[in-house]
Amino acid sequence: MQQNLHAVTLVVPDYDDAIAFYTQTLSFELTQDIDLGGGKRWVRVSPKGSGGASLLIAKADGEEQQSAIGNQTGGRVGFFLETDDFQRDHAAMVANGVQFEEQPRHEPYGTVAVWRDPFGNRWDLIQFAQLATT
């Protein structure tokens, strides 16, 4: 049996604002945008060249979902954007107006810095270290 993580839902206030941020600011690809009727859409974005999971952009519907925007993981970093060149992508993100909460830091597992999307979700930009295996 083979299984893959397909998508993770990200609740946002507006589809088009989220699409604009992820595709224009972060250069993600819009992989699907299907009208489901009744104001709902099936919207997926993925980092360019990614063969893995995508974000399923979901417009908040009702007070409970609206209250979760930006706090879907209880204030913790909930999303991790892996890169093969931390310096390149960090510089591009800063140039595009992404707000980092900290300066890049080096951890045993790699180089990392926390940032927030415009909806308040906390992310790590991370380049994993090549760890030796025994």
N, C-alpha and C. Protein backbone atom coordinates (compact mmCIF):
# COMPACT_ATOMS: atom_id res chain seq x y z
N MET A 1 0.85 -1.19 0.00
CA MET A 1 0.00 0.00 0.00
C MET A 1 0.89 1.24 0.00
N GLN A 2 0.52 2.22 -0.80
CA GLN A 2 1.24 3.49 -0.84
C GLN A 2 0.28 4.61 -0.47
N GLN A 3 0.73 5.47 0.41
CA GLN A 3 -0.06 6.64 0.78
C GLN A 3 0.82 7.87 0.76
N ASN A 4 0.21 9.02 0.47
CA ASN A 4 0.90 10.30 0.46
C ASN A 4 0.02 11.34 1.12
N LEU A 5 0.65 12.28 1.78
CA LEU A 5 -0.10 13.42 2.30
C LEU A 5 -0.40 14.32 1.10
N HIS A 6 -1.67 14.50 0.79
CA HIS A 6 -2.08 15.23 -0.40
C HIS A 6 -2.15 16.74 -0.15
N ALA A 7 -2.86 17.13 0.90
CA ALA A 7 -3.07 18.56 1.15
C ALA A 7 -3.34 18.80 2.63
N VAL A 8 -3.09 20.03 3.04
CA VAL A 8 -3.42 20.50 4.38
C VAL A 8 -4.27 21.75 4.20
N THR A 9 -5.39 21.80 4.91
CA THR A 9 -6.30 22.94 4.78
C THR A 9 -5.75 24.15 5.51
N LEU A 10 -5.83 25.29 4.87
CA LEU A 10 -5.46 26.57 5.46
C LEU A 10 -6.69 27.47 5.35
N VAL A 11 -7.28 27.81 6.49
CA VAL A 11 -8.47 28.65 6.51
C VAL A 11 -8.05 30.11 6.41
N VAL A 12 -8.63 30.82 5.45
CA VAL A 12 -8.28 32.22 5.16
C VAL A 12 -9.56 33.05 5.04
N PRO A 13 -9.45 34.37 5.11
CA PRO A 13 -10.64 35.20 4.96
C PRO A 13 -11.13 35.35 3.52
N ASP A 14 -10.22 35.16 2.53
CA ASP A 14 -10.59 35.39 1.15
C ASP A 14 -9.74 34.53 0.22
N TYR A 15 -10.37 33.84 -0.70
CA TYR A 15 -9.63 32.99 -1.66
C TYR A 15 -8.59 33.79 -2.45
N ASP A 16 -9.04 34.87 -3.06
CA ASP A 16 -8.17 35.59 -4.00
C ASP A 16 -6.99 36.25 -3.31
N ASP A 17 -7.19 36.77 -2.09
CA ASP A 17 -6.06 37.33 -1.34
C ASP A 17 -5.02 36.26 -1.03
N ALA A 18 -5.49 35.08 -0.67
CA ALA A 18 -4.57 33.98 -0.37
C ALA A 18 -3.84 33.52 -1.63
N ILE A 19 -4.57 33.39 -2.73
CA ILE A 19 -3.94 33.00 -3.99
C ILE A 19 -2.87 34.02 -4.36
N ALA A 20 -3.19 35.30 -4.24
CA ALA A 20 -2.23 36.35 -4.60
C ALA A 20 -0.97 36.26 -3.74
N PHE A 21 -1.13 36.08 -2.44
CA PHE A 21 0.04 36.00 -1.57
C PHE A 21 0.90 34.79 -1.93
N TYR A 22 0.30 33.65 -1.99
CA TYR A 22 1.09 32.43 -2.20
C TYR A 22 1.68 32.35 -3.61
N THR A 23 0.98 32.83 -4.62
CA THR A 23 1.51 32.74 -5.98
C THR A 23 2.42 33.91 -6.34
N GLN A 24 2.12 35.11 -5.86
CA GLN A 24 2.91 36.28 -6.23
C GLN A 24 4.07 36.52 -5.26
N THR A 25 3.80 36.49 -3.98
CA THR A 25 4.84 36.77 -2.99
C THR A 25 5.78 35.59 -2.81
N LEU A 26 5.23 34.38 -2.77
CA LEU A 26 6.07 33.19 -2.53
C LEU A 26 6.37 32.39 -3.79
N SER A 27 5.77 32.76 -4.91
CA SER A 27 5.97 32.07 -6.20
C SER A 27 5.49 30.62 -6.19
N PHE A 28 4.48 30.31 -5.38
CA PHE A 28 3.85 29.00 -5.43
C PHE A 28 3.08 28.90 -6.75
N GLU A 29 2.74 27.68 -7.12
CA GLU A 29 1.91 27.44 -8.29
C GLU A 29 0.47 27.24 -7.86
N LEU A 30 -0.45 27.82 -8.59
CA LEU A 30 -1.87 27.55 -8.40
C LEU A 30 -2.14 26.25 -9.13
N THR A 31 -2.36 25.17 -8.39
CA THR A 31 -2.52 23.86 -9.02
C THR A 31 -3.97 23.52 -9.31
N GLN A 32 -4.90 24.10 -8.56
CA GLN A 32 -6.32 23.91 -8.84
C GLN A 32 -7.11 25.11 -8.33
N ASP A 33 -8.14 25.48 -9.08
CA ASP A 33 -9.11 26.49 -8.65
C ASP A 33 -10.43 26.12 -9.33
N ILE A 34 -11.24 25.37 -8.62
CA ILE A 34 -12.47 24.83 -9.18
C ILE A 34 -13.66 25.43 -8.42
N ASP A 35 -14.57 26.02 -9.16
CA ASP A 35 -15.80 26.57 -8.57
C ASP A 35 -16.72 25.43 -8.16
N LEU A 36 -17.06 25.38 -6.89
CA LEU A 36 -17.95 24.33 -6.36
C LEU A 36 -19.38 24.82 -6.20
N GLY A 37 -19.63 26.09 -6.54
CA GLY A 37 -20.96 26.66 -6.38
C GLY A 37 -21.17 27.18 -4.96
N GLY A 38 -22.13 28.05 -4.85
CA GLY A 38 -22.46 28.60 -3.53
C GLY A 38 -21.34 29.40 -2.88
N GLY A 39 -20.43 29.95 -3.68
CA GLY A 39 -19.33 30.75 -3.15
C GLY A 39 -18.14 29.92 -2.69
N LYS A 40 -18.21 28.61 -2.83
CA LYS A 40 -17.11 27.74 -2.42
C LYS A 40 -16.27 27.35 -3.63
N ARG A 41 -14.96 27.18 -3.36
CA ARG A 41 -14.02 26.78 -4.39
C ARG A 41 -13.07 25.72 -3.82
N TRP A 42 -12.54 24.89 -4.70
CA TRP A 42 -11.49 23.94 -4.37
C TRP A 42 -10.21 24.56 -4.90
N VAL A 43 -9.40 25.12 -4.00
CA VAL A 43 -8.21 25.87 -4.39
C VAL A 43 -6.99 25.23 -3.73
N ARG A 44 -6.03 24.84 -4.57
CA ARG A 44 -4.79 24.27 -4.08
C ARG A 44 -3.61 25.05 -4.63
N VAL A 45 -2.61 25.31 -3.75
CA VAL A 45 -1.36 25.93 -4.15
C VAL A 45 -0.22 25.06 -3.62
N SER A 46 0.88 25.06 -4.39
CA SER A 46 2.05 24.24 -4.04
C SER A 46 3.32 25.00 -4.38
N PRO A 47 4.38 24.78 -3.60
CA PRO A 47 5.67 25.36 -4.00
C PRO A 47 6.07 24.83 -5.37
N LYS A 48 6.69 25.69 -6.18
CA LYS A 48 7.12 25.28 -7.52
C LYS A 48 8.07 24.10 -7.40
N GLY A 49 7.85 23.10 -8.25
CA GLY A 49 8.71 21.94 -8.27
C GLY A 49 8.42 20.92 -7.18
N SER A 50 7.45 21.22 -6.35
CA SER A 50 7.12 20.31 -5.26
C SER A 50 6.31 19.14 -5.79
N GLY A 51 6.69 17.96 -5.39
CA GLY A 51 5.91 16.79 -5.74
C GLY A 51 5.10 16.29 -4.56
N GLY A 52 5.15 17.06 -3.48
CA GLY A 52 4.50 16.62 -2.25
C GLY A 52 3.18 17.30 -1.99
N ALA A 53 2.89 17.47 -0.75
CA ALA A 53 1.61 18.01 -0.31
C ALA A 53 1.43 19.46 -0.76
N SER A 54 0.18 19.86 -0.80
CA SER A 54 -0.17 21.23 -1.17
C SER A 54 -1.01 21.84 -0.06
N LEU A 55 -1.25 23.13 -0.19
CA LEU A 55 -2.19 23.81 0.70
C LEU A 55 -3.55 23.85 0.02
N LEU A 56 -4.55 23.44 0.73
CA LEU A 56 -5.93 23.58 0.27
C LEU A 56 -6.45 24.86 0.91
N ILE A 57 -6.65 25.87 0.11
CA ILE A 57 -7.10 27.18 0.60
C ILE A 57 -8.61 27.12 0.79
N ALA A 58 -9.05 27.37 2.02
CA ALA A 58 -10.47 27.30 2.34
C ALA A 58 -10.92 28.63 2.94
N LYS A 59 -11.91 29.24 2.31
CA LYS A 59 -12.45 30.50 2.84
C LYS A 59 -13.29 30.19 4.08
N ALA A 60 -13.01 30.94 5.14
CA ALA A 60 -13.74 30.74 6.39
C ALA A 60 -15.23 30.93 6.18
N ASP A 61 -16.00 30.04 6.78
CA ASP A 61 -17.46 30.08 6.69
C ASP A 61 -18.01 30.06 8.11
N GLY A 62 -18.44 31.21 8.58
CA GLY A 62 -19.01 31.30 9.92
C GLY A 62 -18.00 31.75 10.96
N GLU A 63 -18.52 32.10 12.13
CA GLU A 63 -17.70 32.67 13.20
C GLU A 63 -16.62 31.71 13.69
N GLU A 64 -16.96 30.44 13.85
CA GLU A 64 -15.98 29.49 14.38
C GLU A 64 -14.76 29.39 13.46
N GLN A 65 -15.00 29.27 12.16
CA GLN A 65 -13.88 29.19 11.22
C GLN A 65 -13.13 30.52 11.14
N GLN A 66 -13.85 31.63 11.18
CA GLN A 66 -13.19 32.93 11.14
C GLN A 66 -12.28 33.12 12.35
N SER A 67 -12.69 32.60 13.51
CA SER A 67 -11.86 32.75 14.71
C SER A 67 -10.59 31.91 14.63
N ALA A 68 -10.56 30.92 13.75
CA ALA A 68 -9.38 30.06 13.60
C ALA A 68 -8.34 30.64 12.65
N ILE A 69 -8.70 31.65 11.87
CA ILE A 69 -7.75 32.22 10.92
C ILE A 69 -6.53 32.73 11.67
N GLY A 70 -5.37 32.27 11.26
CA GLY A 70 -4.11 32.70 11.88
C GLY A 70 -3.78 31.99 13.17
N ASN A 71 -4.67 31.15 13.64
CA ASN A 71 -4.41 30.45 14.90
C ASN A 71 -4.82 28.99 14.79
N GLN A 72 -4.64 28.44 13.63
CA GLN A 72 -5.07 27.06 13.38
C GLN A 72 -4.26 26.04 14.15
N THR A 73 -3.07 26.43 14.60
CA THR A 73 -2.22 25.50 15.34
C THR A 73 -1.95 26.01 16.75
N GLY A 74 -2.87 26.80 17.28
CA GLY A 74 -2.74 27.26 18.66
C GLY A 74 -1.55 28.14 18.93
N GLY A 75 -1.08 28.89 17.94
CA GLY A 75 0.05 29.79 18.12
C GLY A 75 1.40 29.18 17.81
N ARG A 76 1.42 27.89 17.59
CA ARG A 76 2.68 27.22 17.24
C ARG A 76 2.96 27.37 15.75
N VAL A 77 4.22 27.15 15.39
CA VAL A 77 4.55 27.03 13.97
C VAL A 77 3.84 25.78 13.47
N GLY A 78 3.04 25.95 12.45
CA GLY A 78 2.26 24.83 11.95
C GLY A 78 2.58 24.43 10.52
N PHE A 79 3.40 25.23 9.85
CA PHE A 79 3.69 25.00 8.44
C PHE A 79 5.19 25.15 8.23
N PHE A 80 5.75 24.30 7.39
CA PHE A 80 7.20 24.25 7.20
C PHE A 80 7.50 24.27 5.71
N LEU A 81 8.17 25.33 5.27
CA LEU A 81 8.54 25.47 3.88
C LEU A 81 10.02 25.11 3.75
N GLU A 82 10.28 23.93 3.17
CA GLU A 82 11.64 23.46 3.00
C GLU A 82 12.24 24.07 1.74
N THR A 83 13.51 24.44 1.84
CA THR A 83 14.24 25.01 0.72
C THR A 83 15.57 24.31 0.54
N ASP A 84 16.10 24.37 -0.67
CA ASP A 84 17.44 23.85 -0.91
C ASP A 84 18.48 24.95 -0.85
N ASP A 85 18.03 26.21 -0.66
CA ASP A 85 18.95 27.34 -0.57
C ASP A 85 18.32 28.39 0.35
N PHE A 86 18.62 28.29 1.62
CA PHE A 86 18.00 29.16 2.62
C PHE A 86 18.28 30.64 2.32
N GLN A 87 19.53 30.98 2.07
CA GLN A 87 19.89 32.39 1.86
C GLN A 87 19.14 32.99 0.68
N ARG A 88 19.07 32.27 -0.42
CA ARG A 88 18.36 32.75 -1.61
C ARG A 88 16.89 33.02 -1.30
N ASP A 89 16.22 32.03 -0.71
CA ASP A 89 14.79 32.17 -0.48
C ASP A 89 14.47 33.15 0.64
N HIS A 90 15.30 33.21 1.65
CA HIS A 90 15.09 34.19 2.72
C HIS A 90 15.20 35.60 2.14
N ALA A 91 16.23 35.84 1.34
CA ALA A 91 16.41 37.17 0.74
C ALA A 91 15.24 37.53 -0.17
N ALA A 92 14.77 36.57 -0.97
CA ALA A 92 13.64 36.83 -1.87
C ALA A 92 12.37 37.12 -1.08
N MET A 93 12.15 36.38 -0.02
CA MET A 93 10.95 36.60 0.79
C MET A 93 10.99 37.96 1.46
N VAL A 94 12.13 38.34 2.01
CA VAL A 94 12.26 39.66 2.65
C VAL A 94 12.03 40.75 1.60
N ALA A 95 12.61 40.59 0.41
CA ALA A 95 12.43 41.57 -0.67
C ALA A 95 10.97 41.69 -1.09
N ASN A 96 10.21 40.61 -0.94
CA ASN A 96 8.78 40.61 -1.30
C ASN A 96 7.88 41.00 -0.14
N GLY A 97 8.47 41.43 0.97
CA GLY A 97 7.68 41.96 2.08
C GLY A 97 7.25 40.95 3.14
N VAL A 98 7.77 39.72 3.08
CA VAL A 98 7.43 38.74 4.11
C VAL A 98 8.07 39.16 5.43
N GLN A 99 7.29 39.11 6.49
CA GLN A 99 7.75 39.53 7.81
C GLN A 99 8.26 38.33 8.61
N PHE A 100 9.55 38.33 8.89
CA PHE A 100 10.15 37.29 9.72
C PHE A 100 10.11 37.72 11.17
N GLU A 101 9.87 36.77 12.06
CA GLU A 101 9.83 37.05 13.49
C GLU A 101 11.22 37.04 14.11
N GLU A 102 12.19 36.52 13.41
CA GLU A 102 13.53 36.35 13.97
C GLU A 102 14.56 36.34 12.86
N GLN A 103 15.79 36.48 13.27
CA GLN A 103 16.90 36.33 12.34
C GLN A 103 17.12 34.84 12.10
N PRO A 104 17.66 34.46 10.95
CA PRO A 104 17.95 33.05 10.71
C PRO A 104 18.83 32.50 11.83
N ARG A 105 18.56 31.25 12.19
CA ARG A 105 19.36 30.60 13.23
C ARG A 105 19.75 29.21 12.76
N HIS A 106 20.84 28.74 13.31
CA HIS A 106 21.36 27.42 12.95
C HIS A 106 21.08 26.46 14.09
N GLU A 107 20.38 25.42 13.77
CA GLU A 107 20.04 24.36 14.73
C GLU A 107 20.70 23.07 14.26
N PRO A 108 20.78 22.08 15.13
CA PRO A 108 21.38 20.81 14.70
C PRO A 108 20.69 20.20 13.46
N TYR A 109 19.41 20.47 13.27
CA TYR A 109 18.67 19.91 12.14
C TYR A 109 18.71 20.78 10.90
N GLY A 110 19.18 22.04 11.02
CA GLY A 110 19.27 22.89 9.84
C GLY A 110 19.21 24.37 10.15
N THR A 111 19.11 25.17 9.09
CA THR A 111 18.98 26.62 9.20
C THR A 111 17.50 26.95 9.10
N VAL A 112 17.02 27.82 10.00
CA VAL A 112 15.59 28.06 10.11
C VAL A 112 15.31 29.50 10.54
N ALA A 113 14.16 30.02 10.13
CA ALA A 113 13.65 31.30 10.63
C ALA A 113 12.13 31.25 10.55
N VAL A 114 11.49 31.79 11.57
CA VAL A 114 10.02 31.81 11.65
C VAL A 114 9.49 33.07 10.98
N TRP A 115 8.43 32.91 10.20
CA TRP A 115 7.76 34.03 9.55
C TRP A 115 6.26 33.81 9.62
N ARG A 116 5.50 34.84 9.34
CA ARG A 116 4.03 34.76 9.33
C ARG A 116 3.50 35.13 7.95
N ASP A 117 2.46 34.40 7.54
CA ASP A 117 1.77 34.81 6.33
C ASP A 117 0.84 35.97 6.69
N PRO A 118 0.23 36.63 5.72
CA PRO A 118 -0.59 37.81 6.04
C PRO A 118 -1.86 37.48 6.83
N PHE A 119 -2.13 36.19 7.02
CA PHE A 119 -3.32 35.77 7.76
C PHE A 119 -2.99 35.43 9.21
N GLY A 120 -1.70 35.51 9.56
CA GLY A 120 -1.26 35.27 10.93
C GLY A 120 -0.70 33.90 11.21
N ASN A 121 -0.67 33.02 10.22
CA ASN A 121 -0.14 31.67 10.43
C ASN A 121 1.38 31.71 10.52
N ARG A 122 1.91 30.97 11.49
CA ARG A 122 3.36 30.90 11.67
C ARG A 122 3.94 29.76 10.85
N TRP A 123 5.03 30.08 10.17
CA TRP A 123 5.74 29.15 9.29
C TRP A 123 7.22 29.12 9.66
N ASP A 124 7.88 28.02 9.35
CA ASP A 124 9.34 27.96 9.33
C ASP A 124 9.78 27.94 7.88
N LEU A 125 10.77 28.75 7.55
CA LEU A 125 11.55 28.54 6.33
C LEU A 125 12.73 27.73 6.80
N ILE A 126 12.97 26.58 6.19
CA ILE A 126 13.98 25.68 6.72
C ILE A 126 14.78 25.01 5.61
N GLN A 127 16.08 24.97 5.82
CA GLN A 127 16.96 24.16 4.99
C GLN A 127 17.57 23.13 5.92
N PHE A 128 17.23 21.88 5.71
CA PHE A 128 17.68 20.83 6.59
C PHE A 128 19.18 20.58 6.41
N ALA A 129 19.83 20.29 7.52
CA ALA A 129 21.25 19.92 7.51
C ALA A 129 21.40 18.50 7.00
N GLN A 130 22.52 18.22 6.44
CA GLN A 130 22.84 16.85 6.04
C GLN A 130 23.37 16.14 7.28
N LEU A 131 22.50 15.40 7.94
CA LEU A 131 22.90 14.74 9.18
C LEU A 131 23.52 13.39 8.88
N ALA A 132 24.56 13.09 9.59
CA ALA A 132 25.22 11.80 9.44
C ALA A 132 24.35 10.71 10.06
N THR A 133 24.31 9.57 9.42
CA THR A 133 23.58 8.44 9.96
C THR A 133 24.56 7.39 10.44
N THR A 134 24.15 6.62 11.40
CA THR A 134 25.05 5.59 11.94
C THR A 134 24.63 4.23 11.50
